[in-house]
């Protein structure tokens, strides 16, 4: 995904994405985690929207923290997250 004046660009049409306002409290989430409670997921997930085509993207606040947490899981739990 490209950058336009510091903003990520839409993969569909190339327009800059607009970050959601943060009006929820710090303990609220925008979405349900697809891996359930296996990963703690203590980093925010911030939605961005393309004002041109309406596509919505979800960005992790700190991807590296989740990668480190995932890498420490036993193989059985990793398989459950990846394959359901």
PDB file of N, CA and C in Angstrom:
ATOM      1  N   UNK A   1       0.847  -1.167   0.000  1.00  0.00           N
ATOM      2  CA  UNK A   1       0.000   0.000   0.000  1.00  0.00           C
ATOM      3  C   UNK A   1       0.889   1.226   0.000  1.00  0.00           C
ATOM      4  N   UNK A   2       0.610   2.191  -0.838  1.00  0.00           N
ATOM      5  CA  UNK A   2       1.418   3.390  -0.937  1.00  0.00           C
ATOM      6  C   UNK A   2       1.107   4.393   0.156  1.00  0.00           C
ATOM      7  N   UNK A   3       1.823   5.496   0.107  1.00  0.00           N
ATOM      8  CA  UNK A   3       1.606   6.574   1.072  1.00  0.00           C
ATOM      9  C   UNK A   3       1.345   7.861   0.298  1.00  0.00           C
ATOM     10  N   UNK A   4       0.420   8.671   0.794  1.00  0.00           N
ATOM     11  CA  UNK A   4       0.084   9.943   0.191  1.00  0.00           C
ATOM     12  C   UNK A   4       0.079  10.972   1.306  1.00  0.00           C
ATOM     13  N   UNK A   5       1.127  11.805   1.360  1.00  0.00           N
ATOM     14  CA  UNK A   5       1.263  12.796   2.434  1.00  0.00           C
ATOM     15  C   UNK A   5       1.149  12.166   3.816  1.00  0.00           C
ATOM     16  N   UNK A   6       1.759  10.998   4.001  1.00  0.00           N
ATOM     17  CA  UNK A   6       1.729  10.330   5.287  1.00  0.00           C
ATOM     18  C   UNK A   6       0.505   9.470   5.522  1.00  0.00           C
ATOM     19  N   UNK A   7      -0.453   9.482   4.613  1.00  0.00           N
ATOM     20  CA  UNK A   7      -1.660   8.673   4.755  1.00  0.00           C
ATOM     21  C   UNK A   7      -1.551   7.437   3.866  1.00  0.00           C
ATOM     22  N   UNK A   8      -1.993   6.268   4.369  1.00  0.00           N
ATOM     23  CA  UNK A   8      -2.017   5.098   3.494  1.00  0.00           C
ATOM     24  C   UNK A   8      -3.018   5.308   2.357  1.00  0.00           C
ATOM     25  N   UNK A   9      -2.781   4.620   1.251  1.00  0.00           N
ATOM     26  CA  UNK A   9      -3.658   4.738   0.085  1.00  0.00           C
ATOM     27  C   UNK A   9      -4.511   3.483  -0.064  1.00  0.00           C
ATOM     28  N   UNK A  10      -5.688   3.650  -0.635  1.00  0.00           N
ATOM     29  CA  UNK A  10      -6.601   2.552  -0.924  1.00  0.00           C
ATOM     30  C   UNK A  10      -5.993   1.648  -1.994  1.00  0.00           C
ATOM     31  N   UNK A  11      -6.039   0.349  -1.764  1.00  0.00           N
ATOM     32  CA  UNK A  11      -5.517  -0.597  -2.749  1.00  0.00           C
ATOM     33  C   UNK A  11      -6.402  -0.681  -3.985  1.00  0.00           C
ATOM     34  N   UNK A  12      -7.680  -0.320  -3.857  1.00  0.00           N
ATOM     35  CA  UNK A  12      -8.609  -0.406  -4.980  1.00  0.00           C
ATOM     36  C   UNK A  12      -8.499   0.778  -5.930  1.00  0.00           C
ATOM     37  N   UNK A  13      -8.459   1.999  -5.363  1.00  0.00           N
ATOM     38  CA  UNK A  13      -8.527   3.170  -6.243  1.00  0.00           C
ATOM     39  C   UNK A  13      -7.369   4.157  -6.051  1.00  0.00           C
ATOM     40  N   UNK A  14      -6.515   3.940  -5.055  1.00  0.00           N
ATOM     41  CA  UNK A  14      -5.345   4.798  -4.878  1.00  0.00           C
ATOM     42  C   UNK A  14      -5.580   6.088  -4.115  1.00  0.00           C
ATOM     43  N   UNK A  15      -6.801   6.313  -3.657  1.00  0.00           N
ATOM     44  CA  UNK A  15      -7.095   7.534  -2.902  1.00  0.00           C
ATOM     45  C   UNK A  15      -6.580   7.400  -1.467  1.00  0.00           C
ATOM     46  N   UNK A  16      -6.269   8.523  -0.808  1.00  0.00           N
ATOM     47  CA  UNK A  16      -5.805   8.442   0.579  1.00  0.00           C
ATOM     48  C   UNK A  16      -6.923   7.962   1.519  1.00  0.00           C
ATOM     49  N   UNK A  17      -6.524   7.208   2.549  1.00  0.00           N
ATOM     50  CA  UNK A  17      -7.474   6.699   3.531  1.00  0.00           C
ATOM     51  C   UNK A  17      -7.598   7.672   4.691  1.00  0.00           C
ATOM     52  N   UNK A  18      -8.787   7.704   5.289  1.00  0.00           N
ATOM     53  CA  UNK A  18      -9.059   8.578   6.426  1.00  0.00           C
ATOM     54  C   UNK A  18      -9.166   7.702   7.670  1.00  0.00           C
ATOM     55  N   UNK A  19      -8.402   8.043   8.708  1.00  0.00           N
ATOM     56  CA  UNK A  19      -8.409   7.279   9.954  1.00  0.00           C
ATOM     57  C   UNK A  19      -9.668   7.585  10.758  1.00  0.00           C
ATOM     58  N   UNK A  20     -10.223   6.549  11.375  1.00  0.00           N
ATOM     59  CA  UNK A  20     -11.400   6.714  12.221  1.00  0.00           C
ATOM     60  C   UNK A  20     -11.081   7.585  13.425  1.00  0.00           C
ATOM     61  N   UNK A  21     -12.075   8.346  13.859  1.00  0.00           N
ATOM     62  CA  UNK A  21     -11.914   9.098  15.109  1.00  0.00           C
ATOM     63  C   UNK A  21     -11.941   8.121  16.270  1.00  0.00           C
ATOM     64  N   UNK A  22     -11.225   8.446  17.321  1.00  0.00           N
ATOM     65  CA  UNK A  22     -11.122   7.561  18.476  1.00  0.00           C
ATOM     66  C   UNK A  22     -12.092   8.025  19.548  1.00  0.00           C
ATOM     67  N   UNK A  23     -13.354   7.628  19.436  1.00  0.00           N
ATOM     68  CA  UNK A  23     -14.346   8.063  20.403  1.00  0.00           C
ATOM     69  C   UNK A  23     -14.689   6.983  21.420  1.00  0.00           C
ATOM     70  N   UNK A  24     -14.212   5.745  21.212  1.00  0.00           N
ATOM     71  CA  UNK A  24     -14.441   4.684  22.187  1.00  0.00           C
ATOM     72  C   UNK A  24     -13.435   4.804  23.315  1.00  0.00           C
ATOM     73  N   UNK A  25     -13.788   4.267  24.489  1.00  0.00           N
ATOM     74  CA  UNK A  25     -12.845   4.198  25.592  1.00  0.00           C
ATOM     75  C   UNK A  25     -11.726   3.229  25.255  1.00  0.00           C
ATOM     76  N   UNK A  26     -10.658   3.255  26.012  1.00  0.00           N
ATOM     77  CA  UNK A  26      -9.499   2.425  25.713  1.00  0.00           C
ATOM     78  C   UNK A  26      -9.791   0.925  25.842  1.00  0.00           C
ATOM     79  N   UNK A  27     -10.847   0.548  26.560  1.00  0.00           N
ATOM     80  CA  UNK A  27     -11.157  -0.880  26.696  1.00  0.00           C
ATOM     81  C   UNK A  27     -12.183  -1.354  25.675  1.00  0.00           C
ATOM     82  N   UNK A  28     -12.610  -0.518  24.779  1.00  0.00           N
ATOM     83  CA  UNK A  28     -13.575  -0.890  23.741  1.00  0.00           C
ATOM     84  C   UNK A  28     -12.827  -1.338  22.488  1.00  0.00           C
ATOM     85  N   UNK A  29     -13.436  -2.211  21.718  1.00  0.00           N
ATOM     86  CA  UNK A  29     -12.835  -2.655  20.455  1.00  0.00           C
ATOM     87  C   UNK A  29     -13.791  -2.365  19.311  1.00  0.00           C
ATOM     88  N   UNK A  30     -13.254  -2.186  18.130  1.00  0.00           N
ATOM     89  CA  UNK A  30     -14.052  -1.919  16.938  1.00  0.00           C
ATOM     90  C   UNK A  30     -14.592  -3.204  16.318  1.00  0.00           C
ATOM     91  N   UNK A  31     -13.999  -4.346  16.650  1.00  0.00           N
ATOM     92  CA  UNK A  31     -14.316  -5.580  15.954  1.00  0.00           C
ATOM     93  C   UNK A  31     -14.063  -6.764  16.868  1.00  0.00           C
ATOM     94  N   UNK A  32     -14.555  -7.927  16.505  1.00  0.00           N
ATOM     95  CA  UNK A  32     -14.277  -9.160  17.237  1.00  0.00           C
ATOM     96  C   UNK A  32     -13.020  -9.800  16.681  1.00  0.00           C
ATOM     97  N   UNK A  33     -12.130 -10.187  17.561  1.00  0.00           N
ATOM     98  CA  UNK A  33     -10.865 -10.795  17.138  1.00  0.00           C
ATOM     99  C   UNK A  33     -11.129 -12.144  16.475  1.00  0.00           C
ATOM    100  N   UNK A  34     -10.602 -12.382  15.282  1.00  0.00           N
ATOM    101  CA  UNK A  34     -10.872 -13.650  14.592  1.00  0.00           C
ATOM    102  C   UNK A  34     -10.238 -14.846  15.282  1.00  0.00           C
ATOM    103  N   UNK A  35      -9.279 -14.643  16.174  1.00  0.00           N
ATOM    104  CA  UNK A  35      -8.606 -15.749  16.854  1.00  0.00           C
ATOM    105  C   UNK A  35      -9.130 -15.960  18.262  1.00  0.00           C
ATOM    106  N   UNK A  36     -10.269 -15.335  18.585  1.00  0.00           N
ATOM    107  CA  UNK A  36     -10.871 -15.515  19.903  1.00  0.00           C
ATOM    108  C   UNK A  36      -9.985 -14.962  21.003  1.00  0.00           C
ATOM    109  N   UNK A  37      -9.876 -15.682  22.107  1.00  0.00           N
ATOM    110  CA  UNK A  37      -9.099 -15.181  23.244  1.00  0.00           C
ATOM    111  C   UNK A  37      -7.700 -15.792  23.305  1.00  0.00           C
ATOM    112  N   UNK A  38      -7.276 -16.508  22.267  1.00  0.00           N
ATOM    113  CA  UNK A  38      -5.964 -17.151  22.278  1.00  0.00           C
ATOM    114  C   UNK A  38      -4.845 -16.125  22.382  1.00  0.00           C
ATOM    115  N   UNK A  39      -4.929 -15.074  21.589  1.00  0.00           N
ATOM    116  CA  UNK A  39      -3.953 -13.984  21.675  1.00  0.00           C
ATOM    117  C   UNK A  39      -4.555 -12.866  22.512  1.00  0.00           C
ATOM    118  N   UNK A  40      -3.742 -12.241  23.331  1.00  0.00           N
ATOM    119  CA  UNK A  40      -4.247 -11.173  24.193  1.00  0.00           C
ATOM    120  C   UNK A  40      -4.676  -9.954  23.388  1.00  0.00           C
ATOM    121  N   UNK A  41      -3.950  -9.664  22.321  1.00  0.00           N
ATOM    122  CA  UNK A  41      -4.297  -8.560  21.429  1.00  0.00           C
ATOM    123  C   UNK A  41      -4.478  -7.257  22.201  1.00  0.00           C
ATOM    124  N   UNK A  42      -3.414  -6.834  22.862  1.00  0.00           N
ATOM    125  CA  UNK A  42      -3.501  -5.622  23.674  1.00  0.00           C
ATOM    126  C   UNK A  42      -3.121  -4.365  22.889  1.00  0.00           C
ATOM    127  N   UNK A  43      -3.064  -4.466  21.574  1.00  0.00           N
ATOM    128  CA  UNK A  43      -2.788  -3.287  20.749  1.00  0.00           C
ATOM    129  C   UNK A  43      -4.068  -2.863  20.040  1.00  0.00           C
ATOM    130  N   UNK A  44      -4.220  -1.576  19.779  1.00  0.00           N
ATOM    131  CA  UNK A  44      -5.445  -1.127  19.119  1.00  0.00           C
ATOM    132  C   UNK A  44      -5.499  -1.523  17.644  1.00  0.00           C
ATOM    133  N   UNK A  45      -6.705  -1.708  17.163  1.00  0.00           N
ATOM    134  CA  UNK A  45      -6.963  -1.919  15.742  1.00  0.00           C
ATOM    135  C   UNK A  45      -7.749  -0.703  15.279  1.00  0.00           C
ATOM    136  N   UNK A  46      -7.192   0.023  14.312  1.00  0.00           N
ATOM    137  CA  UNK A  46      -7.758   1.301  13.914  1.00  0.00           C
ATOM    138  C   UNK A  46      -8.330   1.205  12.500  1.00  0.00           C
ATOM    139  N   UNK A  47      -9.638   1.410  12.349  1.00  0.00           N
ATOM    140  CA  UNK A  47     -10.225   1.385  11.009  1.00  0.00           C
ATOM    141  C   UNK A  47      -9.887   2.652  10.223  1.00  0.00           C
ATOM    142  N   UNK A  48      -9.660   2.465   8.932  1.00  0.00           N
ATOM    143  CA  UNK A  48      -9.463   3.560   7.981  1.00  0.00           C
ATOM    144  C   UNK A  48     -10.441   3.331   6.837  1.00  0.00           C
ATOM    145  N   UNK A  49     -10.970   4.386   6.257  1.00  0.00           N
ATOM    146  CA  UNK A  49     -11.932   4.257   5.168  1.00  0.00           C
ATOM    147  C   UNK A  49     -11.462   5.079   3.969  1.00  0.00           C
ATOM    148  N   UNK A  50     -11.758   4.560   2.783  1.00  0.00           N
ATOM    149  CA  UNK A  50     -11.523   5.306   1.547  1.00  0.00           C
ATOM    150  C   UNK A  50     -12.783   6.111   1.268  1.00  0.00           C
ATOM    151  N   UNK A  51     -12.650   7.410   1.193  1.00  0.00           N
ATOM    152  CA  UNK A  51     -13.811   8.266   0.964  1.00  0.00           C
ATOM    153  C   UNK A  51     -14.266   8.232  -0.494  1.00  0.00           C
ATOM    154  N   UNK A  52     -13.469   7.621  -1.364  1.00  0.00           N
ATOM    155  CA  UNK A  52     -13.832   7.524  -2.772  1.00  0.00           C
ATOM    156  C   UNK A  52     -14.671   6.277  -3.053  1.00  0.00           C
ATOM    157  N   UNK A  53     -14.189   5.098  -2.621  1.00  0.00           N
ATOM    158  CA  UNK A  53     -14.904   3.861  -2.956  1.00  0.00           C
ATOM    159  C   UNK A  53     -15.558   3.194  -1.754  1.00  0.00           C
ATOM    160  N   UNK A  54     -15.275   3.646  -0.531  1.00  0.00           N
ATOM    161  CA  UNK A  54     -15.919   3.117   0.651  1.00  0.00           C
ATOM    162  C   UNK A  54     -15.274   1.882   1.257  1.00  0.00           C
ATOM    163  N   UNK A  55     -14.156   1.441   0.702  1.00  0.00           N
ATOM    164  CA  UNK A  55     -13.480   0.268   1.249  1.00  0.00           C
ATOM    165  C   UNK A  55     -12.923   0.598   2.632  1.00  0.00           C
ATOM    166  N   UNK A  56     -13.030  -0.344   3.578  1.00  0.00           N
ATOM    167  CA  UNK A  56     -12.554  -0.139   4.937  1.00  0.00           C
ATOM    168  C   UNK A  56     -11.376  -1.068   5.198  1.00  0.00           C
ATOM    169  N   UNK A  57     -10.335  -0.525   5.813  1.00  0.00           N
ATOM    170  CA  UNK A  57      -9.140  -1.274   6.183  1.00  0.00           C
ATOM    171  C   UNK A  57      -8.988  -1.230   7.694  1.00  0.00           C
ATOM    172  N   UNK A  58      -8.494  -2.314   8.275  1.00  0.00           N
ATOM    173  CA  UNK A  58      -8.222  -2.365   9.705  1.00  0.00           C
ATOM    174  C   UNK A  58      -6.707  -2.468   9.885  1.00  0.00           C
ATOM    175  N   UNK A  59      -6.121  -1.520  10.591  1.00  0.00           N
ATOM    176  CA  UNK A  59      -4.680  -1.501  10.811  1.00  0.00           C
ATOM    177  C   UNK A  59      -4.364  -1.778  12.274  1.00  0.00           C
ATOM    178  N   UNK A  60      -3.409  -2.680  12.517  1.00  0.00           N
ATOM    179  CA  UNK A  60      -2.928  -2.932  13.870  1.00  0.00           C
ATOM    180  C   UNK A  60      -2.026  -1.780  14.303  1.00  0.00           C
ATOM    181  N   UNK A  61      -2.202  -1.344  15.535  1.00  0.00           N
ATOM    182  CA  UNK A  61      -1.363  -0.280  16.065  1.00  0.00           C
ATOM    183  C   UNK A  61       0.094  -0.703  16.178  1.00  0.00           C
ATOM    184  N   UNK A  62       0.357  -1.972  16.532  1.00  0.00           N
ATOM    185  CA  UNK A  62       1.728  -2.478  16.679  1.00  0.00           C
ATOM    186  C   UNK A  62       1.757  -3.936  16.241  1.00  0.00           C
ATOM    187  N   UNK A  63       1.968  -4.145  14.954  1.00  0.00           N
ATOM    188  CA  UNK A  63       1.969  -5.494  14.386  1.00  0.00           C
ATOM    189  C   UNK A  63       3.053  -6.360  15.020  1.00  0.00           C
ATOM    190  N   UNK A  64       4.209  -5.795  15.311  1.00  0.00           N
ATOM    191  CA  UNK A  64       5.324  -6.578  15.838  1.00  0.00           C
ATOM    192  C   UNK A  64       4.999  -7.212  17.186  1.00  0.00           C
ATOM    193  N   UNK A  65       4.222  -6.540  18.010  1.00  0.00           N
ATOM    194  CA  UNK A  65       3.837  -7.098  19.308  1.00  0.00           C
ATOM    195  C   UNK A  65       2.994  -8.352  19.120  1.00  0.00           C
ATOM    196  N   UNK A  66       2.074  -8.334  18.166  1.00  0.00           N
ATOM    197  CA  UNK A  66       1.221  -9.496  17.892  1.00  0.00           C
ATOM    198  C   UNK A  66       2.052 -10.630  17.289  1.00  0.00           C
ATOM    199  N   UNK A  67       2.997 -10.302  16.410  1.00  0.00           N
ATOM    200  CA  UNK A  67       3.862 -11.320  15.811  1.00  0.00           C
ATOM    201  C   UNK A  67       4.677 -12.023  16.899  1.00  0.00           C
ATOM    202  N   UNK A  68       5.227 -11.250  17.832  1.00  0.00           N
ATOM    203  CA  UNK A  68       5.997 -11.852  18.938  1.00  0.00           C
ATOM    204  C   UNK A  68       5.110 -12.760  19.788  1.00  0.00           C
ATOM    205  N   UNK A  69       3.910 -12.304  20.096  1.00  0.00           N
ATOM    206  CA  UNK A  69       2.989 -13.102  20.905  1.00  0.00           C
ATOM    207  C   UNK A  69       2.616 -14.398  20.180  1.00  0.00           C
ATOM    208  N   UNK A  70       2.318 -14.288  18.873  1.00  0.00           N
ATOM    209  CA  UNK A  70       1.949 -15.462  18.077  1.00  0.00           C
ATOM    210  C   UNK A  70       3.099 -16.455  18.015  1.00  0.00           C
ATOM    211  N   UNK A  71       4.327 -15.967  17.862  1.00  0.00           N
ATOM    212  CA  UNK A  71       5.488 -16.861  17.728  1.00  0.00           C
ATOM    213  C   UNK A  71       5.744 -17.672  18.994  1.00  0.00           C
ATOM    214  N   UNK A  72       5.262 -17.218  20.142  1.00  0.00           N
ATOM    215  CA  UNK A  72       5.470 -17.933  21.406  1.00  0.00           C
ATOM    216  C   UNK A  72       4.399 -18.989  21.683  1.00  0.00           C
ATOM    217  N   UNK A  73       3.344 -19.020  20.871  1.00  0.00           N
ATOM    218  CA  UNK A  73       2.264 -19.985  21.086  1.00  0.00           C
ATOM    219  C   UNK A  73       2.702 -21.389  20.690  1.00  0.00           C
ATOM    220  N   UNK A  74       2.154 -22.416  21.355  1.00  0.00           N
ATOM    221  CA  UNK A  74       2.395 -23.792  20.912  1.00  0.00           C
ATOM    222  C   UNK A  74       1.809 -24.006  19.516  1.00  0.00           C
ATOM    223  N   UNK A  75       2.367 -24.953  18.777  1.00  0.00           N
ATOM    224  CA  UNK A  75       1.915 -25.223  17.405  1.00  0.00           C
ATOM    225  C   UNK A  75       0.428 -25.524  17.326  1.00  0.00           C
ATOM    226  N   UNK A  76      -0.116 -26.221  18.325  1.00  0.00           N
ATOM    227  CA  UNK A  76      -1.543 -26.570  18.312  1.00  0.00           C
ATOM    228  C   UNK A  76      -2.410 -25.309  18.323  1.00  0.00           C
ATOM    229  N   UNK A  77      -2.031 -24.321  19.129  1.00  0.00           N
ATOM    230  CA  UNK A  77      -2.797 -23.068  19.185  1.00  0.00           C
ATOM    231  C   UNK A  77      -2.621 -22.251  17.914  1.00  0.00           C
ATOM    232  N   UNK A  78      -1.424 -22.256  17.346  1.00  0.00           N
ATOM    233  CA  UNK A  78      -1.194 -21.559  16.065  1.00  0.00           C
ATOM    234  C   UNK A  78      -2.072 -22.167  14.994  1.00  0.00           C
ATOM    235  N   UNK A  79      -2.138 -23.496  14.945  1.00  0.00           N
ATOM    236  CA  UNK A  79      -2.955 -24.176  13.948  1.00  0.00           C
ATOM    237  C   UNK A  79      -4.426 -23.831  14.116  1.00  0.00           C
ATOM    238  N   UNK A  80      -4.899 -23.737  15.361  1.00  0.00           N
ATOM    239  CA  UNK A  80      -6.292 -23.381  15.621  1.00  0.00           C
ATOM    240  C   UNK A  80      -6.600 -21.971  15.102  1.00  0.00           C
ATOM    241  N   UNK A  81      -5.691 -21.037  15.345  1.00  0.00           N
ATOM    242  CA  UNK A  81      -5.891 -19.657  14.887  1.00  0.00           C
ATOM    243  C   UNK A  81      -5.911 -19.598  13.364  1.00  0.00           C
ATOM    244  N   UNK A  82      -4.991 -20.291  12.728  1.00  0.00           N
ATOM    245  CA  UNK A  82      -4.861 -20.224  11.265  1.00  0.00           C
ATOM    246  C   UNK A  82      -5.924 -21.024  10.527  1.00  0.00           C
ATOM    247  N   UNK A  83      -6.385 -22.124  11.125  1.00  0.00           N
ATOM    248  CA  UNK A  83      -7.288 -23.018  10.409  1.00  0.00           C
ATOM    249  C   UNK A  83      -8.666 -23.191  11.047  1.00  0.00           C
ATOM    250  N   UNK A  84      -8.857 -22.608  12.204  1.00  0.00           N
ATOM    251  CA  UNK A  84     -10.175 -22.678  12.859  1.00  0.00           C
ATOM    252  C   UNK A  84     -10.532 -23.937  13.499  1.00  0.00           C
TER     253      UNK A  84
END
